[in-house]
Amino acid sequence: MKLSAELTLTPLKDDFIPTIKSFIKSIRESKFTVLENPLSTQIYGDFDDLMTFLIPEIKAIFEKEDAVILQIKLVKGDRSQYEPDF
């Protein structure tokens, strides 16, 4: 089963940019399709493979940071080719 995940990382500290950049770079290095915009990062792949990849990435950032929020939206299916029709 294919999965689309949207990730928004919010470190709760003044110097948040290096943390976000590090997290995005780790996502980019994966074998998955990754799309970015100013508000979030989307990653697309097989459900089991993607979740197996994300769990240690999330754990690593949570262990590294004192206070951080990670918002995740999961959509069944690969939405990487979505284009609005309106």
PDB file of N, CA and C in Angstrom:
ATOM      1  N   MET A   1       0.845  -1.172   0.000  1.00  0.00           N
ATOM      2  CA  MET A   1       0.000   0.000   0.000  1.00  0.00           C
ATOM      3  C   MET A   1       0.893   1.238   0.000  1.00  0.00           C
ATOM      4  N   LYS A   2       0.543   2.202  -0.835  1.00  0.00           N
ATOM      5  CA  LYS A   2       1.291   3.458  -0.915  1.00  0.00           C
ATOM      6  C   LYS A   2       0.814   4.436   0.154  1.00  0.00           C
ATOM      7  N   LEU A   3       1.742   5.321   0.570  1.00  0.00           N
ATOM      8  CA  LEU A   3       1.461   6.289   1.621  1.00  0.00           C
ATOM      9  C   LEU A   3       2.054   7.635   1.241  1.00  0.00           C
ATOM     10  N   SER A   4       1.322   8.697   1.553  1.00  0.00           N
ATOM     11  CA  SER A   4       1.811  10.070   1.443  1.00  0.00           C
ATOM     12  C   SER A   4       1.831  10.644   2.852  1.00  0.00           C
ATOM     13  N   ALA A   5       2.956  11.237   3.248  1.00  0.00           N
ATOM     14  CA  ALA A   5       3.079  11.818   4.582  1.00  0.00           C
ATOM     15  C   ALA A   5       3.554  13.259   4.472  1.00  0.00           C
ATOM     16  N   GLU A   6       2.886  14.126   5.210  1.00  0.00           N
ATOM     17  CA  GLU A   6       3.298  15.526   5.284  1.00  0.00           C
ATOM     18  C   GLU A   6       3.851  15.770   6.683  1.00  0.00           C
ATOM     19  N   LEU A   7       5.065  16.295   6.767  1.00  0.00           N
ATOM     20  CA  LEU A   7       5.745  16.504   8.040  1.00  0.00           C
ATOM     21  C   LEU A   7       6.014  17.993   8.247  1.00  0.00           C
ATOM     22  N   THR A   8       5.685  18.488   9.430  1.00  0.00           N
ATOM     23  CA  THR A   8       6.001  19.859   9.808  1.00  0.00           C
ATOM     24  C   THR A   8       6.691  19.820  11.161  1.00  0.00           C
ATOM     25  N   LEU A   9       7.974  20.158  11.171  1.00  0.00           N
ATOM     26  CA  LEU A   9       8.769  20.140  12.400  1.00  0.00           C
ATOM     27  C   LEU A   9       8.842  21.548  12.978  1.00  0.00           C
ATOM     28  N   THR A  10       8.574  21.670  14.279  1.00  0.00           N
ATOM     29  CA  THR A  10       8.616  22.960  14.960  1.00  0.00           C
ATOM     30  C   THR A  10       9.440  22.839  16.237  1.00  0.00           C
ATOM     31  N   PRO A  11      10.744  23.131  16.164  1.00  0.00           N
ATOM     32  CA  PRO A  11      11.542  23.154  17.393  1.00  0.00           C
ATOM     33  C   PRO A  11      11.137  24.366  18.239  1.00  0.00           C
ATOM     34  N   LEU A  12      10.987  24.165  19.522  1.00  0.00           N
ATOM     35  CA  LEU A  12      10.559  25.240  20.417  1.00  0.00           C
ATOM     36  C   LEU A  12      11.778  25.906  21.048  1.00  0.00           C
ATOM     37  N   LYS A  13      12.497  26.654  20.197  1.00  0.00           N
ATOM     38  CA  LYS A  13      13.675  27.395  20.658  1.00  0.00           C
ATOM     39  C   LYS A  13      13.931  28.518  19.670  1.00  0.00           C
ATOM     40  N   ASP A  14      14.731  29.488  20.078  1.00  0.00           N
ATOM     41  CA  ASP A  14      14.990  30.647  19.222  1.00  0.00           C
ATOM     42  C   ASP A  14      15.767  30.275  17.960  1.00  0.00           C
ATOM     43  N   ASP A  15      16.764  29.439  18.089  1.00  0.00           N
ATOM     44  CA  ASP A  15      17.610  29.062  16.958  1.00  0.00           C
ATOM     45  C   ASP A  15      17.086  27.758  16.338  1.00  0.00           C
ATOM     46  N   PHE A  16      15.939  27.830  15.675  1.00  0.00           N
ATOM     47  CA  PHE A  16      15.252  26.641  15.186  1.00  0.00           C
ATOM     48  C   PHE A  16      15.684  26.199  13.789  1.00  0.00           C
ATOM     49  N   ILE A  17      16.256  27.098  13.002  1.00  0.00           N
ATOM     50  CA  ILE A  17      16.558  26.798  11.598  1.00  0.00           C
ATOM     51  C   ILE A  17      17.538  25.628  11.433  1.00  0.00           C
ATOM     52  N   PRO A  18      18.649  25.554  12.168  1.00  0.00           N
ATOM     53  CA  PRO A  18      19.557  24.407  11.984  1.00  0.00           C
ATOM     54  C   PRO A  18      18.888  23.050  12.247  1.00  0.00           C
ATOM     55  N   THR A  19      18.010  22.991  13.207  1.00  0.00           N
ATOM     56  CA  THR A  19      17.303  21.742  13.516  1.00  0.00           C
ATOM     57  C   THR A  19      16.404  21.331  12.359  1.00  0.00           C
ATOM     58  N   ILE A  20      15.673  22.279  11.814  1.00  0.00           N
ATOM     59  CA  ILE A  20      14.785  21.983  10.691  1.00  0.00           C
ATOM     60  C   ILE A  20      15.595  21.552   9.472  1.00  0.00           C
ATOM     61  N   LYS A  21      16.672  22.273   9.178  1.00  0.00           N
ATOM     62  CA  LYS A  21      17.513  21.913   8.026  1.00  0.00           C
ATOM     63  C   LYS A  21      18.090  20.515   8.178  1.00  0.00           C
ATOM     64  N   SER A  22      18.546  20.180   9.354  1.00  0.00           N
ATOM     65  CA  SER A  22      19.107  18.850   9.606  1.00  0.00           C
ATOM     66  C   SER A  22      18.068  17.757   9.388  1.00  0.00           C
ATOM     67  N   PHE A  23      16.862  17.989   9.879  1.00  0.00           N
ATOM     68  CA  PHE A  23      15.779  17.010   9.723  1.00  0.00           C
ATOM     69  C   PHE A  23      15.424  16.836   8.246  1.00  0.00           C
ATOM     70  N   ILE A  24      15.299  17.937   7.513  1.00  0.00           N
ATOM     71  CA  ILE A  24      14.967  17.859   6.096  1.00  0.00           C
ATOM     72  C   ILE A  24      16.069  17.145   5.319  1.00  0.00           C
ATOM     73  N   LYS A  25      17.319  17.428   5.629  1.00  0.00           N
ATOM     74  CA  LYS A  25      18.429  16.753   4.945  1.00  0.00           C
ATOM     75  C   LYS A  25      18.388  15.244   5.178  1.00  0.00           C
ATOM     76  N   SER A  26      18.040  14.824   6.372  1.00  0.00           N
ATOM     77  CA  SER A  26      17.961  13.387   6.642  1.00  0.00           C
ATOM     78  C   SER A  26      16.825  12.748   5.842  1.00  0.00           C
ATOM     79  N   ILE A  27      15.732  13.475   5.658  1.00  0.00           N
ATOM     80  CA  ILE A  27      14.618  12.977   4.852  1.00  0.00           C
ATOM     81  C   ILE A  27      15.025  12.913   3.378  1.00  0.00           C
ATOM     82  N   ARG A  28      15.730  13.949   2.906  1.00  0.00           N
ATOM     83  CA  ARG A  28      16.178  13.991   1.507  1.00  0.00           C
ATOM     84  C   ARG A  28      17.084  12.815   1.153  1.00  0.00           C
ATOM     85  N   GLU A  29      17.865  12.342   2.105  1.00  0.00           N
ATOM     86  CA  GLU A  29      18.823  11.261   1.852  1.00  0.00           C
ATOM     87  C   GLU A  29      18.161   9.893   1.733  1.00  0.00           C
ATOM     88  N   SER A  30      16.867   9.834   1.920  1.00  0.00           N
ATOM     89  CA  SER A  30      16.159   8.562   1.841  1.00  0.00           C
ATOM     90  C   SER A  30      15.948   8.159   0.385  1.00  0.00           C
ATOM     91  N   LYS A  31      15.439   6.956   0.192  1.00  0.00           N
ATOM     92  CA  LYS A  31      15.149   6.444  -1.151  1.00  0.00           C
ATOM     93  C   LYS A  31      13.775   6.884  -1.643  1.00  0.00           C
ATOM     94  N   PHE A  32      13.057   7.646  -0.826  1.00  0.00           N
ATOM     95  CA  PHE A  32      11.677   7.996  -1.116  1.00  0.00           C
ATOM     96  C   PHE A  32      11.579   9.282  -1.933  1.00  0.00           C
ATOM     97  N   THR A  33      10.423   9.496  -2.557  1.00  0.00           N
ATOM     98  CA  THR A  33      10.143  10.763  -3.222  1.00  0.00           C
ATOM     99  C   THR A  33       9.870  11.806  -2.153  1.00  0.00           C
ATOM    100  N   VAL A  34      10.577  12.936  -2.219  1.00  0.00           N
ATOM    101  CA  VAL A  34      10.446  13.997  -1.225  1.00  0.00           C
ATOM    102  C   VAL A  34      10.151  15.308  -1.954  1.00  0.00           C
ATOM    103  N   LEU A  35       9.112  15.998  -1.529  1.00  0.00           N
ATOM    104  CA  LEU A  35       8.769  17.316  -2.048  1.00  0.00           C
ATOM    105  C   LEU A  35       8.726  18.281  -0.867  1.00  0.00           C
ATOM    106  N   GLU A  36       9.164  19.517  -1.103  1.00  0.00           N
ATOM    107  CA  GLU A  36       9.218  20.496  -0.022  1.00  0.00           C
ATOM    108  C   GLU A  36       8.514  21.779  -0.431  1.00  0.00           C
ATOM    109  N   ASN A  37       8.002  22.464   0.569  1.00  0.00           N
ATOM    110  CA  ASN A  37       7.513  23.823   0.395  1.00  0.00           C
ATOM    111  C   ASN A  37       7.867  24.578   1.676  1.00  0.00           C
ATOM    112  N   PRO A  38       7.608  25.869   1.751  1.00  0.00           N
ATOM    113  CA  PRO A  38       8.018  26.630   2.938  1.00  0.00           C
ATOM    114  C   PRO A  38       7.369  26.190   4.249  1.00  0.00           C
ATOM    115  N   LEU A  39       6.263  25.450   4.192  1.00  0.00           N
ATOM    116  CA  LEU A  39       5.549  25.087   5.412  1.00  0.00           C
ATOM    117  C   LEU A  39       5.706  23.638   5.837  1.00  0.00           C
ATOM    118  N   SER A  40       6.097  22.751   4.900  1.00  0.00           N
ATOM    119  CA  SER A  40       6.169  21.339   5.249  1.00  0.00           C
ATOM    120  C   SER A  40       7.019  20.576   4.244  1.00  0.00           C
ATOM    121  N   THR A  41       7.270  19.338   4.585  1.00  0.00           N
ATOM    122  CA  THR A  41       7.970  18.412   3.706  1.00  0.00           C
ATOM    123  C   THR A  41       7.065  17.212   3.494  1.00  0.00           C
ATOM    124  N   GLN A  42       6.901  16.817   2.250  1.00  0.00           N
ATOM    125  CA  GLN A  42       6.097  15.653   1.940  1.00  0.00           C
ATOM    126  C   GLN A  42       7.012  14.518   1.504  1.00  0.00           C
ATOM    127  N   ILE A  43       6.681  13.325   1.931  1.00  0.00           N
ATOM    128  CA  ILE A  43       7.458  12.140   1.586  1.00  0.00           C
ATOM    129  C   ILE A  43       6.475  11.039   1.174  1.00  0.00           C
ATOM    130  N   TYR A  44       6.840  10.312   0.123  1.00  0.00           N
ATOM    131  CA  TYR A  44       5.922   9.349  -0.496  1.00  0.00           C
ATOM    132  C   TYR A  44       6.621   8.006  -0.671  1.00  0.00           C
ATOM    133  N   GLY A  45       5.903   6.921  -0.393  1.00  0.00           N
ATOM    134  CA  GLY A  45       6.472   5.596  -0.597  1.00  0.00           C
ATOM    135  C   GLY A  45       5.537   4.501  -0.119  1.00  0.00           C
ATOM    136  N   ASP A  46       6.073   3.294  -0.081  1.00  0.00           N
ATOM    137  CA  ASP A  46       5.338   2.146   0.432  1.00  0.00           C
ATOM    138  C   ASP A  46       5.112   2.321   1.926  1.00  0.00           C
ATOM    139  N   PHE A  47       3.915   2.020   2.394  1.00  0.00           N
ATOM    140  CA  PHE A  47       3.546   2.236   3.798  1.00  0.00           C
ATOM    141  C   PHE A  47       4.573   1.639   4.764  1.00  0.00           C
ATOM    142  N   ASP A  48       4.834   0.337   4.644  1.00  0.00           N
ATOM    143  CA  ASP A  48       5.731  -0.330   5.600  1.00  0.00           C
ATOM    144  C   ASP A  48       7.142   0.243   5.540  1.00  0.00           C
ATOM    145  N   ASP A  49       7.651   0.456   4.326  1.00  0.00           N
ATOM    146  CA  ASP A  49       9.008   0.998   4.176  1.00  0.00           C
ATOM    147  C   ASP A  49       9.108   2.415   4.725  1.00  0.00           C
ATOM    148  N   LEU A  50       8.108   3.226   4.409  1.00  0.00           N
ATOM    149  CA  LEU A  50       8.125   4.620   4.843  1.00  0.00           C
ATOM    150  C   LEU A  50       8.025   4.741   6.357  1.00  0.00           C
ATOM    151  N   MET A  51       7.128   3.987   6.965  1.00  0.00           N
ATOM    152  CA  MET A  51       6.987   4.044   8.422  1.00  0.00           C
ATOM    153  C   MET A  51       8.232   3.502   9.120  1.00  0.00           C
ATOM    154  N   THR A  52       8.834   2.452   8.550  1.00  0.00           N
ATOM    155  CA  THR A  52      10.075   1.905   9.109  1.00  0.00           C
ATOM    156  C   THR A  52      11.198   2.941   9.041  1.00  0.00           C
ATOM    157  N   PHE A  53      11.223   3.738   7.987  1.00  0.00           N
ATOM    158  CA  PHE A  53      12.215   4.807   7.852  1.00  0.00           C
ATOM    159  C   PHE A  53      11.938   5.959   8.821  1.00  0.00           C
ATOM    160  N   LEU A  54      10.675   6.370   8.931  1.00  0.00           N
ATOM    161  CA  LEU A  54      10.345   7.556   9.719  1.00  0.00           C
ATOM    162  C   LEU A  54      10.524   7.366  11.221  1.00  0.00           C
ATOM    163  N   ILE A  55      10.232   6.198  11.738  1.00  0.00           N
ATOM    164  CA  ILE A  55      10.290   5.987  13.195  1.00  0.00           C
ATOM    165  C   ILE A  55      11.660   6.338  13.779  1.00  0.00           C
ATOM    166  N   PRO A  56      12.776   5.815  13.257  1.00  0.00           N
ATOM    167  CA  PRO A  56      14.070   6.201  13.830  1.00  0.00           C
ATOM    168  C   PRO A  56      14.435   7.673  13.576  1.00  0.00           C
ATOM    169  N   GLU A  57      13.972   8.244  12.465  1.00  0.00           N
ATOM    170  CA  GLU A  57      14.223   9.663  12.195  1.00  0.00           C
ATOM    171  C   GLU A  57      13.511  10.535  13.229  1.00  0.00           C
ATOM    172  N   ILE A  58      12.274  10.196  13.527  1.00  0.00           N
ATOM    173  CA  ILE A  58      11.510  10.938  14.530  1.00  0.00           C
ATOM    174  C   ILE A  58      12.138  10.760  15.908  1.00  0.00           C
ATOM    175  N   LYS A  59      12.495   9.545  16.234  1.00  0.00           N
ATOM    176  CA  LYS A  59      13.112   9.283  17.541  1.00  0.00           C
ATOM    177  C   LYS A  59      14.410  10.067  17.701  1.00  0.00           C
ATOM    178  N   ALA A  60      15.219  10.111  16.655  1.00  0.00           N
ATOM    179  CA  ALA A  60      16.505  10.822  16.719  1.00  0.00           C
ATOM    180  C   ALA A  60      16.302  12.313  16.986  1.00  0.00           C
ATOM    181  N   ILE A  61      15.354  12.929  16.298  1.00  0.00           N
ATOM    182  CA  ILE A  61      15.132  14.364  16.493  1.00  0.00           C
ATOM    183  C   ILE A  61      14.531  14.628  17.874  1.00  0.00           C
ATOM    184  N   PHE A  62      13.691  13.726  18.367  1.00  0.00           N
ATOM    185  CA  PHE A  62      13.126  13.893  19.705  1.00  0.00           C
ATOM    186  C   PHE A  62      14.184  13.715  20.783  1.00  0.00           C
ATOM    187  N   GLU A  63      15.126  12.824  20.569  1.00  0.00           N
ATOM    188  CA  GLU A  63      16.206  12.638  21.547  1.00  0.00           C
ATOM    189  C   GLU A  63      17.188  13.805  21.526  1.00  0.00           C
ATOM    190  N   LYS A  64      17.365  14.425  20.374  1.00  0.00           N
ATOM    191  CA  LYS A  64      18.325  15.520  20.218  1.00  0.00           C
ATOM    192  C   LYS A  64      17.815  16.832  20.803  1.00  0.00           C
ATOM    193  N   GLU A  65      16.520  17.089  20.663  1.00  0.00           N
ATOM    194  CA  GLU A  65      15.934  18.369  21.051  1.00  0.00           C
ATOM    195  C   GLU A  65      15.219  18.292  22.397  1.00  0.00           C
ATOM    196  N   ASP A  66      15.279  19.384  23.156  1.00  0.00           N
ATOM    197  CA  ASP A  66      14.581  19.436  24.439  1.00  0.00           C
ATOM    198  C   ASP A  66      13.078  19.578  24.262  1.00  0.00           C
ATOM    199  N   ALA A  67      12.678  20.408  23.294  1.00  0.00           N
ATOM    200  CA  ALA A  67      11.251  20.654  23.068  1.00  0.00           C
ATOM    201  C   ALA A  67      11.019  20.823  21.569  1.00  0.00           C
ATOM    202  N   VAL A  68      10.195  19.964  21.015  1.00  0.00           N
ATOM    203  CA  VAL A  68       9.939  19.991  19.579  1.00  0.00           C
ATOM    204  C   VAL A  68       8.549  19.415  19.303  1.00  0.00           C
ATOM    205  N   ILE A  69       7.904  19.970  18.298  1.00  0.00           N
ATOM    206  CA  ILE A  69       6.611  19.467  17.846  1.00  0.00           C
ATOM    207  C   ILE A  69       6.796  18.928  16.437  1.00  0.00           C
ATOM    208  N   LEU A  70       6.246  17.763  16.164  1.00  0.00           N
ATOM    209  CA  LEU A  70       6.239  17.221  14.812  1.00  0.00           C
ATOM    210  C   LEU A  70       4.791  16.896  14.457  1.00  0.00           C
ATOM    211  N   GLN A  71       4.276  17.621  13.479  1.00  0.00           N
ATOM    212  CA  GLN A  71       2.922  17.355  12.987  1.00  0.00           C
ATOM    213  C   GLN A  71       3.037  16.466  11.761  1.00  0.00           C
ATOM    214  N   ILE A  72       2.251  15.402  11.735  1.00  0.00           N
ATOM    215  CA  ILE A  72       2.277  14.454  10.623  1.00  0.00           C
ATOM    216  C   ILE A  72       0.860  14.256  10.106  1.00  0.00           C
ATOM    217  N   LYS A  73       0.715  14.390   8.807  1.00  0.00           N
ATOM    218  CA  LYS A  73      -0.542  14.046   8.150  1.00  0.00           C
ATOM    219  C   LYS A  73      -0.255  12.856   7.251  1.00  0.00           C
ATOM    220  N   LEU A  74      -1.059  11.817   7.369  1.00  0.00           N
ATOM    221  CA  LEU A  74      -0.893  10.616   6.557  1.00  0.00           C
ATOM    222  C   LEU A  74      -2.108  10.452   5.648  1.00  0.00           C
ATOM    223  N   VAL A  75      -1.832  10.202   4.381  1.00  0.00           N
ATOM    224  CA  VAL A  75      -2.889   9.986   3.401  1.00  0.00           C
ATOM    225  C   VAL A  75      -2.614   8.669   2.699  1.00  0.00           C
ATOM    226  N   LYS A  76      -3.606   7.814   2.640  1.00  0.00           N
ATOM    227  CA  LYS A  76      -3.461   6.555   1.915  1.00  0.00           C
ATOM    228  C   LYS A  76      -3.301   6.866   0.432  1.00  0.00           C
ATOM    229  N   GLY A  77      -2.300   6.273  -0.174  1.00  0.00           N
ATOM    230  CA  GLY A  77      -2.046   6.458  -1.600  1.00  0.00           C
ATOM    231  C   GLY A  77      -0.875   7.386  -1.851  1.00  0.00           C
ATOM    232  N   ASP A  78      -0.359   7.351  -3.063  1.00  0.00           N
ATOM    233  CA  ASP A  78       0.755   8.209  -3.483  1.00  0.00           C
ATOM    234  C   ASP A  78       0.180   9.452  -4.148  1.00  0.00           C
ATOM    235  N   ARG A  79       0.254  10.577  -3.457  1.00  0.00           N
ATOM    236  CA  ARG A  79      -0.290  11.841  -3.958  1.00  0.00           C
ATOM    237  C   ARG A  79       0.805  12.745  -4.533  1.00  0.00           C
ATOM    238  N   SER A  80       1.984  12.195  -4.803  1.00  0.00           N
ATOM    239  CA  SER A  80       3.115  13.005  -5.257  1.00  0.00           C
ATOM    240  C   SER A  80       2.892  13.645  -6.616  1.00  0.00           C
ATOM    241  N   GLN A  81       2.008  13.098  -7.412  1.00  0.00           N
ATOM    242  CA  GLN A  81       1.747  13.641  -8.752  1.00  0.00           C
ATOM    243  C   GLN A  81       0.485  14.506  -8.789  1.00  0.00           C
ATOM    244  N   TYR A  82      -0.063  14.831  -7.639  1.00  0.00           N
ATOM    245  CA  TYR A  82      -1.305  15.604  -7.576  1.00  0.00           C
ATOM    246  C   TYR A  82      -1.136  16.975  -8.215  1.00  0.00           C
ATOM    247  N   GLU A  83      -2.083  17.342  -9.043  1.00  0.00           N
ATOM    248  CA  GLU A  83      -2.157  18.688  -9.597  1.00  0.00           C
ATOM    249  C   GLU A  83      -3.613  19.138  -9.508  1.00  0.00           C
ATOM    250  N   PRO A  84      -3.838  20.342  -8.989  1.00  0.00           N
ATOM    251  CA  PRO A  84      -5.210  20.833  -8.887  1.00  0.00           C
ATOM    252  C   PRO A  84      -5.868  20.919 -10.262  1.00  0.00           C
ATOM    253  N   ASP A  85      -7.166  20.653 -10.316  1.00  0.00           N
ATOM    254  CA  ASP A  85      -7.890  20.722 -11.579  1.00  0.00           C
ATOM    255  C   ASP A  85      -8.901  21.865 -11.576  1.00  0.00           C
ATOM    256  N   PHE A  86      -8.593  22.894 -10.806  1.00  0.00           N
ATOM    257  CA  PHE A  86      -9.490  24.052 -10.749  1.00  0.00           C
ATOM    258  C   PHE A  86      -8.711  25.321 -10.911  1.00  0.00           C
TER     259      PHE A  86
END
